[in-house]
C-alpha atoms as a PDB file:
ATOM      1  CA  MET A   1      -0.548  25.320   3.833  1.00  0.00           C
ATOM      2  CA  PRO A   2      -0.530  21.967   5.759  1.00  0.00           C
ATOM      3  CA  SER A   3      -3.880  20.991   7.237  1.00  0.00           C
ATOM      4  CA  PRO A   4      -4.603  18.590  10.124  1.00  0.00           C
ATOM      5  CA  PHE A   5      -6.348  15.243   9.799  1.00  0.00           C
ATOM      6  CA  SER A   6      -7.108  13.038  12.794  1.00  0.00           C
ATOM      7  CA  PHE A   7      -9.127   9.927  13.569  1.00  0.00           C
ATOM      8  CA  GLN A   8      -9.587   7.542  16.486  1.00  0.00           C
ATOM      9  CA  LEU A   9      -8.973   3.846  15.923  1.00  0.00           C
ATOM     10  CA  GLY A  10     -11.981   1.587  16.318  1.00  0.00           C
ATOM     11  CA  MET A  11     -12.772  -1.918  15.110  1.00  0.00           C
ATOM     12  CA  PRO A  12     -13.174  -0.830  11.441  1.00  0.00           C
ATOM     13  CA  HIS A  13      -9.507   0.232  11.488  1.00  0.00           C
ATOM     14  CA  LEU A  14      -8.070  -2.865  13.168  1.00  0.00           C
ATOM     15  CA  GLY A  15      -6.794  -6.170  11.830  1.00  0.00           C
ATOM     16  CA  ARG A  16      -5.128  -9.235  13.316  1.00  0.00           C
ATOM     17  CA  ASN A  17      -2.369  -7.099  14.830  1.00  0.00           C
ATOM     18  CA  ASN A  18      -3.768  -3.639  15.623  1.00  0.00           C
ATOM     19  CA  LEU A  19      -3.925  -0.985  12.854  1.00  0.00           C
ATOM     20  CA  SER A  20      -4.765  -2.519   9.478  1.00  0.00           C
ATOM     21  CA  GLU A  21      -2.714  -1.243   6.554  1.00  0.00           C
ATOM     22  CA  SER A  22      -5.669  -1.412   4.169  1.00  0.00           C
ATOM     23  CA  ALA A  23      -7.883   0.468   6.645  1.00  0.00           C
ATOM     24  CA  LEU A  24      -5.215   3.157   7.076  1.00  0.00           C
ATOM     25  CA  PHE A  25      -5.021   3.706   3.323  1.00  0.00           C
ATOM     26  CA  LYS A  26      -8.812   3.925   3.149  1.00  0.00           C
ATOM     27  CA  ALA A  27      -8.764   6.708   5.743  1.00  0.00           C
ATOM     28  CA  ILE A  28      -5.908   8.487   3.959  1.00  0.00           C
ATOM     29  CA  GLY A  29      -7.650   8.099   0.606  1.00  0.00           C
ATOM     30  CA  ASN A  30     -10.901   9.549   1.862  1.00  0.00           C
ATOM     31  CA  ASP A  31      -9.047  12.523   3.363  1.00  0.00           C
ATOM     32  CA  ARG A  32      -7.229  13.122   0.049  1.00  0.00           C
ATOM     33  CA  TRP A  33     -10.541  13.240  -1.835  1.00  0.00           C
ATOM     34  CA  THR A  34     -11.947  15.582   0.827  1.00  0.00           C
ATOM     35  CA  GLN A  35      -8.893  17.827   0.335  1.00  0.00           C
ATOM     36  CA  ILE A  36      -9.480  17.922  -3.418  1.00  0.00           C
ATOM     37  CA  GLU A  37     -13.144  18.824  -2.909  1.00  0.00           C
ATOM     38  CA  HIS A  38     -12.317  21.561  -0.379  1.00  0.00           C
ATOM     39  CA  LEU A  39      -9.382  23.164  -2.204  1.00  0.00           C
ATOM     40  CA  GLY A  40     -10.804  22.603  -5.679  1.00  0.00           C
ATOM     41  CA  LYS A  41     -14.256  23.896  -4.721  1.00  0.00           C
ATOM     42  CA  THR A  42     -15.957  21.030  -6.559  1.00  0.00           C
ATOM     43  CA  ARG A  43     -17.764  17.980  -5.205  1.00  0.00           C
ATOM     44  CA  SER A  44     -16.019  14.784  -6.293  1.00  0.00           C
ATOM     45  CA  ALA A  45     -19.122  13.466  -8.090  1.00  0.00           C
ATOM     46  CA  LEU A  46     -19.181  16.578 -10.286  1.00  0.00           C
ATOM     47  CA  ILE A  47     -15.564  16.609 -11.537  1.00  0.00           C
ATOM     48  CA  ARG A  48     -15.592  16.566 -15.365  1.00  0.00           C
ATOM     49  CA  ASP A  49     -13.287  17.042 -18.364  1.00  0.00           C
ATOM     50  CA  ASP A  50     -14.039  19.253 -21.358  1.00  0.00           C
ATOM     51  CA  ALA A  51     -16.030  16.454 -22.994  1.00  0.00           C
ATOM     52  CA  GLY A  52     -18.249  16.076 -19.937  1.00  0.00           C
ATOM     53  CA  GLU A  53     -16.682  12.760 -18.863  1.00  0.00           C
ATOM     54  CA  ARG A  54     -16.717  11.981 -15.142  1.00  0.00           C
ATOM     55  CA  LEU A  55     -13.171  12.060 -13.743  1.00  0.00           C
ATOM     56  CA  TYR A  56     -11.720  10.232 -10.748  1.00  0.00           C
ATOM     57  CA  ALA A  57      -8.600  11.201  -8.780  1.00  0.00           C
ATOM     58  CA  THR A  58      -7.305   7.643  -8.730  1.00  0.00           C
ATOM     59  CA  PHE A  59      -4.168   6.665  -6.798  1.00  0.00           C
ATOM     60  CA  TYR A  60      -1.151   5.571  -8.828  1.00  0.00           C
ATOM     61  CA  PHE A  61       1.423   5.480  -5.985  1.00  0.00           C
ATOM     62  CA  LEU A  62       1.442   5.000  -2.216  1.00  0.00           C
ATOM     63  CA  GLU A  63       4.352   4.912   0.220  1.00  0.00           C
ATOM     64  CA  LEU A  64       4.186   4.042   3.904  1.00  0.00           C
ATOM     65  CA  ASN A  65       7.337   5.165   5.731  1.00  0.00           C
ATOM     66  CA  LEU A  66       7.393   4.154   9.406  1.00  0.00           C
ATOM     67  CA  SER A  67      10.183   2.313  11.248  1.00  0.00           C
ATOM     68  CA  ARG A  68      11.002  -0.994  12.916  1.00  0.00           C
ATOM     69  CA  GLU A  69      10.510   0.743  16.260  1.00  0.00           C
ATOM     70  CA  ILE A  70       7.063   2.045  15.249  1.00  0.00           C
ATOM     71  CA  PRO A  71       5.336  -0.326  12.787  1.00  0.00           C
ATOM     72  CA  LEU A  72       1.571  -0.258  12.224  1.00  0.00           C
ATOM     73  CA  SER A  73       1.023  -2.566  15.204  1.00  0.00           C
ATOM     74  CA  SER A  74       2.127   0.309  17.480  1.00  0.00           C
ATOM     75  CA  PHE A  75      -1.330   1.841  16.974  1.00  0.00           C
ATOM     76  CA  GLY A  76      -4.224   0.070  18.691  1.00  0.00           C
ATOM     77  CA  GLU A  77      -7.839   0.399  19.742  1.00  0.00           C
ATOM     78  CA  ASN A  78      -8.877   3.860  21.009  1.00  0.00           C
ATOM     79  CA  ASP A  79      -5.571   5.429  19.930  1.00  0.00           C
ATOM     80  CA  SER A  80      -5.878   8.741  18.119  1.00  0.00           C
ATOM     81  CA  ILE A  81      -3.717   9.514  15.098  1.00  0.00           C
ATOM     82  CA  THR A  82      -3.202  13.121  14.033  1.00  0.00           C
ATOM     83  CA  LEU A  83      -1.478  13.883  10.754  1.00  0.00           C
ATOM     84  CA  SER A  84      -0.391  17.065   9.023  1.00  0.00           C
ATOM     85  CA  THR A  85      -1.228  16.974   5.335  1.00  0.00           C
ATOM     86  CA  ASP A  86      -0.141  18.839   2.216  1.00  0.00           C
ATOM     87  CA  LEU A  87      -1.093  18.689  -1.446  1.00  0.00           C
ATOM     88  CA  SER A  88       0.480  19.921  -4.707  1.00  0.00           C
ATOM     89  CA  HIS A  89      -0.337  19.473  -8.379  1.00  0.00           C
ATOM     90  CA  TYR A  90       1.466  19.273 -11.716  1.00  0.00           C
ATOM     91  CA  SER A  91      -0.256  20.349 -14.938  1.00  0.00           C
ATOM     92  CA  LYS A  92      -3.671  20.006 -13.257  1.00  0.00           C
ATOM     93  CA  VAL A  93      -3.491  16.239 -13.834  1.00  0.00           C
ATOM     94  CA  TYR A  94      -1.079  14.890 -11.215  1.00  0.00           C
ATOM     95  CA  LEU A  95      -1.506  15.355  -7.451  1.00  0.00           C
ATOM     96  CA  ASP A  96       1.083  14.563  -4.785  1.00  0.00           C
ATOM     97  CA  GLY A  97       1.251  15.000  -1.025  1.00  0.00           C
ATOM     98  CA  CYS A  98       2.102  13.554   2.383  1.00  0.00           C
ATOM     99  CA  HIS A  99       0.289  12.748   5.609  1.00  0.00           C
ATOM    100  CA  ARG A 100       2.877  13.122   8.409  1.00  0.00           C
ATOM    101  CA  ILE A 101       2.319  11.875  11.952  1.00  0.00           C
ATOM    102  CA  ASP A 102       2.331  14.989  14.144  1.00  0.00           C
ATOM    103  CA  THR A 103       4.413  13.474  16.924  1.00  0.00           C
ATOM    104  CA  ARG A 104       6.860  11.850  14.438  1.00  0.00           C
ATOM    105  CA  PRO A 105       7.142  13.955  11.257  1.00  0.00           C
ATOM    106  CA  ASP A 106       9.740  11.489   9.924  1.00  0.00           C
ATOM    107  CA  HIS A 107       6.935   8.886   9.815  1.00  0.00           C
ATOM    108  CA  TRP A 108       4.584   9.526   6.914  1.00  0.00           C
ATOM    109  CA  ILE A 109       2.332   8.255   4.137  1.00  0.00           C
ATOM    110  CA  ARG A 110       2.952   9.692   0.684  1.00  0.00           C
ATOM    111  CA  SER A 111       0.311   9.364  -2.017  1.00  0.00           C
ATOM    112  CA  SER A 112       0.013  10.447  -5.645  1.00  0.00           C
ATOM    113  CA  ASN A 113      -3.102  10.707  -7.795  1.00  0.00           C
ATOM    114  CA  VAL A 114      -3.919  11.241 -11.424  1.00  0.00           C
ATOM    115  CA  PHE A 115      -7.240  12.316 -12.920  1.00  0.00           C
ATOM    116  CA  ILE A 116      -8.639   9.551 -15.152  1.00  0.00           C
ATOM    117  CA  TYR A 117     -11.813   8.536 -16.930  1.00  0.00           C
ATOM    118  CA  GLN A 118     -12.943   5.060 -17.957  1.00  0.00           C
ATOM    119  CA  GLU A 119     -12.427   4.908 -21.712  1.00  0.00           C
ATOM    120  CA  ARG A 120     -13.455   1.251 -21.912  1.00  0.00           C
ATOM    121  CA  GLY A 121     -14.475   0.473 -18.364  1.00  0.00           C
ATOM    122  CA  PRO A 122     -11.898  -0.656 -15.775  1.00  0.00           C
ATOM    123  CA  SER A 123      -9.690  -2.231 -18.466  1.00  0.00           C
ATOM    124  CA  LYS A 124      -8.810   1.057 -20.155  1.00  0.00           C
ATOM    125  CA  LEU A 125      -8.260   4.160 -18.003  1.00  0.00           C
ATOM    126  CA  SER A 126      -7.139   7.412 -19.619  1.00  0.00           C
ATOM    127  CA  LEU A 127      -5.711  10.663 -18.254  1.00  0.00           C
ATOM    128  CA  ALA A 128      -7.679  13.903 -18.499  1.00  0.00           C
ATOM    129  CA  VAL A 129      -7.616  17.481 -17.218  1.00  0.00           C
ATOM    130  CA  PRO A 130     -10.589  18.509 -15.016  1.00  0.00           C
ATOM    131  CA  VAL A 131     -12.178  21.722 -16.253  1.00  0.00           C
ATOM    132  CA  ASN A 132     -14.222  22.542 -13.148  1.00  0.00           C
ATOM    133  CA  VAL A 133     -11.631  22.086 -10.367  1.00  0.00           C
ATOM    134  CA  ASP A 134     -10.129  25.303  -8.967  1.00  0.00           C
ATOM    135  CA  PHE A 135      -6.353  24.817  -8.626  1.00  0.00           C
ATOM    136  CA  SER A 136      -5.632  28.324  -7.336  1.00  0.00           C
ATOM    137  CA  GLU A 137      -5.223  27.121  -3.718  1.00  0.00           C
ATOM    138  CA  ILE A 138      -3.208  24.001  -4.624  1.00  0.00           C
ATOM    139  CA  PRO A 139       0.533  24.760  -5.014  1.00  0.00           C
ATOM    140  CA  GLU A 140       1.927  23.902  -8.434  1.00  0.00           C
ATOM    141  CA  LEU A 141       5.029  21.729  -8.813  1.00  0.00           C
ATOM    142  CA  ALA A 142       7.780  22.842 -11.198  1.00  0.00           C
ATOM    143  CA  GLU A 143       8.129  19.310 -12.579  1.00  0.00           C
ATOM    144  CA  GLN A 144       6.398  15.954 -12.505  1.00  0.00           C
ATOM    145  CA  PRO A 145       6.303  14.211  -9.112  1.00  0.00           C
ATOM    146  CA  GLU A 146       9.253  11.856  -8.667  1.00  0.00           C
ATOM    147  CA  THR A 147       6.730   9.135  -7.862  1.00  0.00           C
ATOM    148  CA  LEU A 148       6.164   8.752 -11.625  1.00  0.00           C
ATOM    149  CA  SER A 149       9.811   7.791 -12.181  1.00  0.00           C
ATOM    150  CA  LEU A 150       9.730   5.529  -9.106  1.00  0.00           C
ATOM    151  CA  CYS A 151       6.817   3.658 -10.666  1.00  0.00           C
ATOM    152  CA  ARG A 152       8.537   3.379 -14.055  1.00  0.00           C
ATOM    153  CA  GLN A 153      11.702   2.014 -12.430  1.00  0.00           C
ATOM    154  CA  ALA A 154       9.720  -0.482 -10.339  1.00  0.00           C
ATOM    155  CA  LYS A 155       7.818  -1.667 -13.420  1.00  0.00           C
ATOM    156  CA  ALA A 156      11.106  -2.320 -15.205  1.00  0.00           C
ATOM    157  CA  ARG A 157      12.713  -4.330 -12.396  1.00  0.00           C
ATOM    158  CA  GLY A 158       9.595  -5.821 -10.752  1.00  0.00           C
ATOM    159  CA  SER A 159      10.103  -4.287  -7.309  1.00  0.00           C
ATOM    160  CA  PHE A 160      10.447  -0.986  -5.439  1.00  0.00           C
ATOM    161  CA  ILE A 161      12.851  -1.888  -2.605  1.00  0.00           C
ATOM    162  CA  GLU A 162      16.263  -3.532  -2.968  1.00  0.00           C
ATOM    163  CA  PRO A 163      16.944  -6.649  -0.828  1.00  0.00           C
ATOM    164  CA  HIS A 164      19.128  -6.258   2.257  1.00  0.00           C
ATOM    165  CA  SER A 165      22.460  -8.062   2.204  1.00  0.00           C
ATOM    166  CA  ASP A 166      21.447 -10.265   5.149  1.00  0.00           C
ATOM    167  CA  ASP A 167      18.012 -11.240   3.831  1.00  0.00           C
ATOM    168  CA  VAL A 168      17.427 -15.000   3.593  1.00  0.00           C
ATOM    169  CA  GLU A 169      15.026 -16.312   0.949  1.00  0.00           C
ATOM    170  CA  LEU A 170      12.109 -18.261   2.397  1.00  0.00           C
ATOM    171  CA  TYR A 171      11.801 -20.046  -0.960  1.00  0.00           C
ATOM    172  CA  ALA A 172      13.453 -19.745  -4.356  1.00  0.00           C
ATOM    173  CA  GLY A 173      12.118 -17.206  -6.828  1.00  0.00           C
ATOM    174  CA  GLU A 174       8.427 -16.286  -7.017  1.00  0.00           C
ATOM    175  CA  ARG A 175       5.327 -18.236  -6.035  1.00  0.00           C
ATOM    176  CA  GLU A 176       1.840 -17.535  -7.321  1.00  0.00           C
ATOM    177  CA  PHE A 177      -1.522 -17.074  -5.669  1.00  0.00           C
ATOM    178  CA  VAL A 178      -4.655 -16.575  -7.781  1.00  0.00           C
ATOM    179  CA  TYR A 179      -7.396 -14.342  -6.425  1.00  0.00           C
ATOM    180  CA  GLN A 180     -10.940 -14.207  -7.807  1.00  0.00           C
ATOM    181  CA  ILE A 181     -12.299 -10.664  -7.533  1.00  0.00           C
ATOM    182  CA  ASP A 182     -15.443 -10.390  -5.408  1.00  0.00           C
ATOM    183  CA  ALA A 183     -17.672  -7.802  -7.108  1.00  0.00           C
ATOM    184  CA  ASP A 184     -19.731  -7.187  -3.955  1.00  0.00           C
ATOM    185  CA  ARG A 185     -16.745  -6.618  -1.661  1.00  0.00           C
ATOM    186  CA  ASP A 186     -13.770  -5.446  -3.710  1.00  0.00           C
ATOM    187  CA  LEU A 187     -15.211  -2.812  -6.059  1.00  0.00           C
ATOM    188  CA  ASN A 188     -15.983   0.821  -5.279  1.00  0.00           C
ATOM    189  CA  GLY A 189     -18.809   3.036  -6.497  1.00  0.00           C
ATOM    190  CA  ALA A 190     -16.968   3.727  -9.762  1.00  0.00           C
ATOM    191  CA  GLY A 191     -16.900   0.021 -10.620  1.00  0.00           C
ATOM    192  CA  LEU A 192     -13.137  -0.131 -10.060  1.00  0.00           C
ATOM    193  CA  VAL A 193     -11.258  -2.431  -7.704  1.00  0.00           C
ATOM    194  CA  TYR A 194     -10.747  -0.135  -4.713  1.00  0.00           C
ATOM    195  CA  PHE A 195      -7.091   0.873  -4.432  1.00  0.00           C
ATOM    196  CA  ALA A 196      -6.774  -0.010  -0.720  1.00  0.00           C
ATOM    197  CA  ASN A 197      -8.252  -3.468  -1.287  1.00  0.00           C
ATOM    198  CA  PHE A 198      -5.180  -4.473  -3.281  1.00  0.00           C
ATOM    199  CA  ILE A 199      -3.245  -4.372   0.013  1.00  0.00           C
ATOM    200  CA  SER A 200      -5.616  -7.004   1.400  1.00  0.00           C
ATOM    201  CA  PHE A 201      -5.078  -9.159  -1.710  1.00  0.00           C
ATOM    202  CA  LEU A 202      -1.303  -8.971  -1.224  1.00  0.00           C
ATOM    203  CA  ASP A 203      -1.616  -9.833   2.470  1.00  0.00           C
ATOM    204  CA  LEU A 204      -3.780 -12.832   1.612  1.00  0.00           C
ATOM    205  CA  ALA A 205      -1.353 -13.995  -1.076  1.00  0.00           C
ATOM    206  CA  GLU A 206       1.671 -13.917   1.240  1.00  0.00           C
ATOM    207  CA  ARG A 207      -0.263 -15.680   4.031  1.00  0.00           C
ATOM    208  CA  ARG A 208      -1.448 -18.470   1.727  1.00  0.00           C
ATOM    209  CA  ILE A 209       1.938 -18.907   0.081  1.00  0.00           C
ATOM    210  CA  LEU A 210       3.873 -18.959   3.375  1.00  0.00           C
ATOM    211  CA  SER A 211       1.342 -21.414   4.819  1.00  0.00           C
ATOM    212  CA  GLU A 212       2.187 -23.859   2.024  1.00  0.00           C
ATOM    213  CA  ILE A 213       5.997 -23.784   2.025  1.00  0.00           C
ATOM    214  CA  GLU A 214       7.871 -26.898   3.153  1.00  0.00           C
ATOM    215  CA  ASP A 215       8.351 -25.582   6.700  1.00  0.00           C
ATOM    216  CA  PRO A 216       5.506 -23.060   7.152  1.00  0.00           C
ATOM    217  CA  PRO A 217       5.570 -20.440   9.921  1.00  0.00           C
ATOM    218  CA  PRO A 218       3.151 -21.060  12.806  1.00  0.00           C
ATOM    219  CA  ALA A 219      -0.144 -19.174  12.513  1.00  0.00           C
ATOM    220  CA  PRO A 220       0.651 -16.820  15.448  1.00  0.00           C
ATOM    221  CA  LEU A 221       3.721 -15.557  13.581  1.00  0.00           C
ATOM    222  CA  LEU A 222       1.657 -14.871  10.459  1.00  0.00           C
ATOM    223  CA  ASP A 223      -0.904 -13.016  12.575  1.00  0.00           C
ATOM    224  CA  ALA A 224       1.874 -10.875  14.078  1.00  0.00           C
ATOM    225  CA  ARG A 225       3.086  -9.409  10.751  1.00  0.00           C
ATOM    226  CA  SER A 226       3.137  -5.598  10.898  1.00  0.00           C
ATOM    227  CA  THR A 227       4.134  -3.349   8.001  1.00  0.00           C
ATOM    228  CA  TYR A 228       6.615  -0.519   8.509  1.00  0.00           C
ATOM    229  CA  LEU A 229       7.634   0.152   4.879  1.00  0.00           C
ATOM    230  CA  ARG A 230       5.573  -0.108   1.706  1.00  0.00           C
ATOM    231  CA  ARG A 231       5.701   1.205  -1.826  1.00  0.00           C
ATOM    232  CA  ILE A 232       2.985   0.304  -4.280  1.00  0.00           C
ATOM    233  CA  GLY A 233       2.418   1.436  -7.854  1.00  0.00           C
ATOM    234  CA  TYR A 234      -0.852   1.025  -9.745  1.00  0.00           C
ATOM    235  CA  PHE A 235      -0.686   0.580 -13.529  1.00  0.00           C
ATOM    236  CA  GLY A 236      -4.263  -0.444 -14.236  1.00  0.00           C
ATOM    237  CA  ASN A 237      -7.417  -1.972 -12.804  1.00  0.00           C
ATOM    238  CA  ALA A 238      -9.562  -5.028 -13.504  1.00  0.00           C
ATOM    239  CA  GLN A 239     -13.055  -6.145 -14.436  1.00  0.00           C
ATOM    240  CA  SER A 240     -15.338  -7.431 -11.689  1.00  0.00           C
ATOM    241  CA  THR A 241     -15.197 -10.929 -13.248  1.00  0.00           C
ATOM    242  CA  ASP A 242     -11.404 -11.005 -13.499  1.00  0.00           C
ATOM    243  CA  ARG A 243      -8.889 -13.049 -11.559  1.00  0.00           C
ATOM    244  CA  LEU A 244      -5.609 -11.676 -10.264  1.00  0.00           C
ATOM    245  CA  HIS A 245      -2.355 -13.635 -10.498  1.00  0.00           C
ATOM    246  CA  ILE A 246      -0.237 -12.453  -7.574  1.00  0.00           C
ATOM    247  CA  LEU A 247       3.458 -13.389  -7.778  1.00  0.00           C
ATOM    248  CA  VAL A 248       5.331 -13.097  -4.477  1.00  0.00           C
ATOM    249  CA  LYS A 249       8.987 -13.186  -3.435  1.00  0.00           C
ATOM    250  CA  ALA A 250       9.648 -13.554   0.305  1.00  0.00           C
ATOM    251  CA  ARG A 251      12.766 -12.968   2.393  1.00  0.00           C
ATOM    252  CA  LEU A 252      13.561 -12.937   6.090  1.00  0.00           C
ATOM    253  CA  GLN A 253      16.206 -11.676   8.499  1.00  0.00           C
ATOM    254  CA  ASN A 254      16.742 -11.924  12.235  1.00  0.00           C
ATOM    255  CA  ARG A 255      17.058  -8.728  14.298  1.00  0.00           C
ATOM    256  CA  GLU A 256      18.240  -8.315  17.868  1.00  0.00           C
ATOM    257  CA  ASN A 257      18.374  -5.092  19.842  1.00  0.00           C
ATOM    258  CA  GLY A 258      19.469  -5.724  23.404  1.00  0.00           C
ATOM    259  CA  CYS A 259      16.958  -8.151  24.912  1.00  0.00           C
ATOM    260  CA  SER A 260      14.466  -7.562  22.106  1.00  0.00           C
ATOM    261  CA  ARG A 261      14.310  -9.899  19.127  1.00  0.00           C
ATOM    262  CA  SER A 262      12.185  -9.742  15.984  1.00  0.00           C
ATOM    263  CA  LEU A 263      11.908 -11.088  12.468  1.00  0.00           C
ATOM    264  CA  ASP A 264      12.079  -8.659   9.556  1.00  0.00           C
ATOM    265  CA  LEU A 265      10.242  -9.935   6.476  1.00  0.00           C
ATOM    266  CA  ALA A 266      10.514  -8.521   2.956  1.00  0.00           C
ATOM    267  CA  PHE A 267       8.018  -9.105   0.145  1.00  0.00           C
ATOM    268  CA  ASP A 268       7.957  -8.179  -3.534  1.00  0.00           C
ATOM    269  CA  TYR A 269       4.692  -8.564  -5.461  1.00  0.00           C
ATOM    270  CA  ARG A 270       3.650  -8.426  -9.101  1.00  0.00           C
ATOM    271  CA  VAL A 271      -0.059  -8.586  -9.962  1.00  0.00           C
ATOM    272  CA  ARG A 272      -1.411  -9.534 -13.387  1.00  0.00           C
ATOM    273  CA  ARG A 273      -5.044  -9.702 -14.429  1.00  0.00           C
ATOM    274  CA  SER A 274      -6.196 -12.924 -16.116  1.00  0.00           C
ATOM    275  CA  SER A 275      -8.191 -11.274 -18.892  1.00  0.00           C
ATOM    276  CA  ASP A 276      -5.140 -10.037 -20.847  1.00  0.00           C
ATOM    277  CA  GLN A 277      -2.119 -10.742 -18.589  1.00  0.00           C
ATOM    278  CA  LYS A 278      -1.519  -7.000 -18.109  1.00  0.00           C
ATOM    279  CA  GLU A 279       0.613  -6.231 -15.066  1.00  0.00           C
ATOM    280  CA  ILE A 280      -1.467  -3.811 -13.007  1.00  0.00           C
ATOM    281  CA  VAL A 281       0.283  -3.595  -9.609  1.00  0.00           C
ATOM    282  CA  ILE A 282       3.889  -3.678  -8.381  1.00  0.00           C
ATOM    283  CA  SER A 283       4.668  -3.458  -4.669  1.00  0.00           C
ATOM    284  CA  SER A 284       7.436  -4.037  -2.140  1.00  0.00           C
ATOM    285  CA  CYS A 285       7.173  -3.952   1.636  1.00  0.00           C
ATOM    286  CA  ARG A 286       8.920  -4.837   4.853  1.00  0.00           C
ATOM    287  CA  LYS A 287       7.099  -6.179   7.893  1.00  0.00           C
ATOM    288  CA  LEU A 288       8.141  -6.827  11.463  1.00  0.00           C
ATOM    289  CA  ILE A 289       7.227  -9.768  13.687  1.00  0.00           C
ATOM    290  CA  SER A 290       8.020  -9.204  17.351  1.00  0.00           C
ATOM    291  CA  LEU A 291       9.243 -12.312  19.175  1.00  0.00           C
ATOM    292  CA  GLU A 292       8.942 -10.850  22.674  1.00  0.00           C
ATOM    293  CA  ARG A 293       5.903 -13.020  23.504  1.00  0.00           C
ATOM    294  CA  ALA A 294       6.629 -15.831  21.068  1.00  0.00           C
ATOM    295  CA  SER A 295       5.999 -19.440  22.016  1.00  0.00           C
ATOM    296  CA  GLN A 296       8.728 -22.051  21.961  1.00  0.00           C
ATOM    297  CA  ALA A 297       7.404 -23.374  18.642  1.00  0.00           C
ATOM    298  CA  ASP A 298       7.534 -19.872  17.162  1.00  0.00           C
ATOM    299  CA  LEU A 299      11.120 -19.378  18.348  1.00  0.00           C
ATOM    300  CA  GLU A 300      12.209 -22.761  17.002  1.00  0.00           C
ATOM    301  CA  TRP A 301      10.792 -21.889  13.568  1.00  0.00           C
ATOM    302  CA  ALA A 302      12.530 -18.495  13.654  1.00  0.00           C
ATOM    303  CA  ASN A 303      15.834 -20.133  14.560  1.00  0.00           C
ATOM    304  CA  ARG A 304      15.579 -22.642  11.708  1.00  0.00           C
ATOM    305  CA  HIS A 305      15.032 -19.918   9.141  1.00  0.00           C
ATOM    306  CA  THR A 306      17.535 -17.287  10.257  1.00  0.00           C
ATOM    307  CA  LEU A 307      20.744 -19.293  10.620  1.00  0.00           C
ATOM    308  CA  ALA A 308      22.258 -17.444   7.654  1.00  0.00           C
ATOM    309  CA  SER A 309      21.204 -13.954   8.689  1.00  0.00           C
ATOM    310  CA  VAL A 310      23.444 -11.392  10.354  1.00  0.00           C
ATOM    311  CA  TYR A 311      22.445 -10.417  13.884  1.00  0.00           C
ATOM    312  CA  LYS A 312      21.939  -6.688  14.330  1.00  0.00           C
END
């Protein structure tokens, strides 16, 4: 049975251009854990396997599905967001569900979890079945969530979303940004890098890399980036002392709709931890930059970089 979840946007939810993607996932994540507690009749801190190990319903997949007409920047201060939520399980290990915007049910956030314990700290996470969670009120899936195969396919090819035919590369291949984990800011109470913080790392990587290309976009354009599509798969975590090597591909296309013009950016990311070079995150996203209030310098940069794109 779908249940409602709503929250009003305040400064903790906002970034450079209205609703922050990382903040949204934090709100969604907290609601998912609340759902598990409520339906499973067990407080999250008490979830255990048959050996008494503490288990965590960690996220292994997230998908943000909005639209160019309604990216994250459409939601600003004091706006209220109400979502209908659902949750299912497979084999009492995998969880899957959606948060759908009430006024636009075709706009949603899908998330999948798996119960894990820390076999050797953050570097080695293992699956387990919780013995004290009541699954009787959580519908059971007939087969594994398709998000598992989506993650396997993305791991094999290094991305989740195929390029559009009219995308223009902003630079050739991948470029790398190295991020030093901040133990006081990036980790959660379990000693793991918080899943939603990886979004902030990816945002930082693309900003730094784009700021250093031969013809970098003006800062106002970078501030105006707003996600409307995202898929991200998590394949591991990292120690608090680790560094993350974030490899980024970047593409761009011009879009026109009547008198409205925007830039549509695409990014693919691969994240490896320094300690053993294990690839722990794959993600792809598309972001919109509205040019309705762009300066002349912004428009000149956009024109230089979209000469090869197809106007739509």
